[in-house]
Amino acid sequence: MFPAVDPYEDINARSVSMIREILQLGVDAGEFREMDVGDTAEVIFSLYKSFIIQAYIQGEANYVERYMPCAYELVVNGIKGK
């Protein structure tokens, strides 16, 4: 589960880069607040990887169906009240 060498290192790096680009587009358009897009992309990707691992362990369909709406809401709107 945690090999010394990540066999998906290139794919994962491209995924983080794609997230970073999307975040930067959102910041530039004024849709997202100013942030460190590199660090934020890493955190979002880490959350995604954890979500995928947990979905695999728990049984993908039920886990994703149950928790994806919550994950989306948390990432998009956070937990802080207005």
C-alpha atoms as a PDB file:
ATOM      1  CA  MET A   1       0.000   0.000   0.000  1.00  0.00           C
ATOM      2  CA  PHE A   2       2.916   2.353   0.707  1.00  0.00           C
ATOM      3  CA  PRO A   3       5.862   1.317  -1.476  1.00  0.00           C
ATOM      4  CA  ALA A   4       9.211   3.078  -1.142  1.00  0.00           C
ATOM      5  CA  VAL A   5       8.895   4.207  -4.757  1.00  0.00           C
ATOM      6  CA  ASP A   6       5.502   5.483  -5.894  1.00  0.00           C
ATOM      7  CA  PRO A   7       4.683   3.649  -9.122  1.00  0.00           C
ATOM      8  CA  TYR A   8       2.252   6.450 -10.006  1.00  0.00           C
ATOM      9  CA  GLU A   9       4.574   9.364  -9.250  1.00  0.00           C
ATOM     10  CA  ASP A  10       4.323  10.894 -12.737  1.00  0.00           C
ATOM     11  CA  ILE A  11       0.538  10.528 -12.888  1.00  0.00           C
ATOM     12  CA  ASN A  12       0.158  11.968  -9.396  1.00  0.00           C
ATOM     13  CA  ALA A  13       2.418  14.914 -10.213  1.00  0.00           C
ATOM     14  CA  ARG A  14       0.356  15.673 -13.315  1.00  0.00           C
ATOM     15  CA  SER A  15      -2.823  15.449 -11.224  1.00  0.00           C
ATOM     16  CA  VAL A  16      -1.478  17.942  -8.691  1.00  0.00           C
ATOM     17  CA  SER A  17      -0.437  20.213 -11.556  1.00  0.00           C
ATOM     18  CA  MET A  18      -3.942  20.051 -13.026  1.00  0.00           C
ATOM     19  CA  ILE A  19      -5.479  20.959  -9.655  1.00  0.00           C
ATOM     20  CA  ARG A  20      -2.997  23.835  -9.297  1.00  0.00           C
ATOM     21  CA  GLU A  21      -3.955  25.171 -12.749  1.00  0.00           C
ATOM     22  CA  ILE A  22      -7.684  24.981 -11.946  1.00  0.00           C
ATOM     23  CA  LEU A  23      -7.160  26.768  -8.642  1.00  0.00           C
ATOM     24  CA  GLN A  24      -5.104  29.487 -10.333  1.00  0.00           C
ATOM     25  CA  LEU A  25      -7.787  29.996 -12.966  1.00  0.00           C
ATOM     26  CA  GLY A  26     -10.347  30.373 -10.170  1.00  0.00           C
ATOM     27  CA  VAL A  27      -8.181  32.877  -8.291  1.00  0.00           C
ATOM     28  CA  ASP A  28      -7.491  34.857 -11.471  1.00  0.00           C
ATOM     29  CA  ALA A  29     -11.222  34.955 -12.285  1.00  0.00           C
ATOM     30  CA  GLY A  30     -12.082  36.133  -8.775  1.00  0.00           C
ATOM     31  CA  GLU A  31     -14.112  32.990  -8.050  1.00  0.00           C
ATOM     32  CA  PHE A  32     -11.629  31.730  -5.423  1.00  0.00           C
ATOM     33  CA  ARG A  33      -9.916  33.698  -2.693  1.00  0.00           C
ATOM     34  CA  GLU A  34      -6.188  34.392  -2.855  1.00  0.00           C
ATOM     35  CA  MET A  35      -4.230  31.355  -1.688  1.00  0.00           C
ATOM     36  CA  ASP A  36      -0.996  29.468  -2.154  1.00  0.00           C
ATOM     37  CA  VAL A  37      -2.260  27.390  -5.072  1.00  0.00           C
ATOM     38  CA  GLY A  38       0.690  24.983  -4.925  1.00  0.00           C
ATOM     39  CA  ASP A  39       0.172  24.069  -1.289  1.00  0.00           C
ATOM     40  CA  THR A  40      -3.604  23.977  -1.697  1.00  0.00           C
ATOM     41  CA  ALA A  41      -3.300  21.653  -4.691  1.00  0.00           C
ATOM     42  CA  GLU A  42      -1.126  19.285  -2.648  1.00  0.00           C
ATOM     43  CA  VAL A  43      -3.644  19.235   0.203  1.00  0.00           C
ATOM     44  CA  ILE A  44      -6.606  18.653  -2.107  1.00  0.00           C
ATOM     45  CA  PHE A  45      -4.750  15.830  -3.848  1.00  0.00           C
ATOM     46  CA  SER A  46      -3.849  14.277  -0.483  1.00  0.00           C
ATOM     47  CA  LEU A  47      -7.497  14.393   0.560  1.00  0.00           C
ATOM     48  CA  TYR A  48      -8.441  12.804  -2.757  1.00  0.00           C
ATOM     49  CA  LYS A  49      -5.915   9.977  -2.303  1.00  0.00           C
ATOM     50  CA  SER A  50      -7.154   9.311   1.210  1.00  0.00           C
ATOM     51  CA  PHE A  51     -10.740   9.294  -0.041  1.00  0.00           C
ATOM     52  CA  ILE A  52      -9.880   6.797  -2.794  1.00  0.00           C
ATOM     53  CA  ILE A  53      -8.020   4.496  -0.380  1.00  0.00           C
ATOM     54  CA  GLN A  54     -10.904   4.576   2.083  1.00  0.00           C
ATOM     55  CA  ALA A  55     -13.426   3.953  -0.689  1.00  0.00           C
ATOM     56  CA  TYR A  56     -11.450   0.904  -1.778  1.00  0.00           C
ATOM     57  CA  ILE A  57     -11.273  -0.467   1.766  1.00  0.00           C
ATOM     58  CA  GLN A  58     -14.953   0.164   2.544  1.00  0.00           C
ATOM     59  CA  GLY A  59     -16.383  -0.922  -0.802  1.00  0.00           C
ATOM     60  CA  GLU A  60     -16.223   1.749  -3.442  1.00  0.00           C
ATOM     61  CA  ALA A  61     -19.803   2.251  -4.591  1.00  0.00           C
ATOM     62  CA  ASN A  62     -21.412   2.617  -1.183  1.00  0.00           C
ATOM     63  CA  TYR A  63     -18.615   4.747   0.250  1.00  0.00           C
ATOM     64  CA  VAL A  64     -18.459   7.175  -2.664  1.00  0.00           C
ATOM     65  CA  GLU A  65     -22.233   7.437  -2.895  1.00  0.00           C
ATOM     66  CA  ARG A  66     -22.531   8.164   0.814  1.00  0.00           C
ATOM     67  CA  TYR A  67     -19.573  10.499   1.386  1.00  0.00           C
ATOM     68  CA  MET A  68     -18.904  12.301  -1.908  1.00  0.00           C
ATOM     69  CA  PRO A  69     -21.584  14.967  -1.308  1.00  0.00           C
ATOM     70  CA  CYS A  70     -20.086  15.701   2.120  1.00  0.00           C
ATOM     71  CA  ALA A  71     -16.542  15.796   0.705  1.00  0.00           C
ATOM     72  CA  TYR A  72     -17.613  18.172  -2.042  1.00  0.00           C
ATOM     73  CA  GLU A  73     -19.433  20.451   0.396  1.00  0.00           C
ATOM     74  CA  LEU A  74     -16.475  20.488   2.757  1.00  0.00           C
ATOM     75  CA  VAL A  75     -13.920  21.318   0.062  1.00  0.00           C
ATOM     76  CA  VAL A  76     -16.070  23.950  -1.663  1.00  0.00           C
ATOM     77  CA  ASN A  77     -17.629  25.637   1.382  1.00  0.00           C
ATOM     78  CA  GLY A  78     -15.457  24.611   4.331  1.00  0.00           C
ATOM     79  CA  ILE A  79     -16.734  24.341   7.885  1.00  0.00           C
ATOM     80  CA  LYS A  80     -16.610  27.949   9.000  1.00  0.00           C
ATOM     81  CA  GLY A  81     -19.916  29.765   9.410  1.00  0.00           C
ATOM     82  CA  LYS A  82     -20.587  32.964   7.546  1.00  0.00           C
END
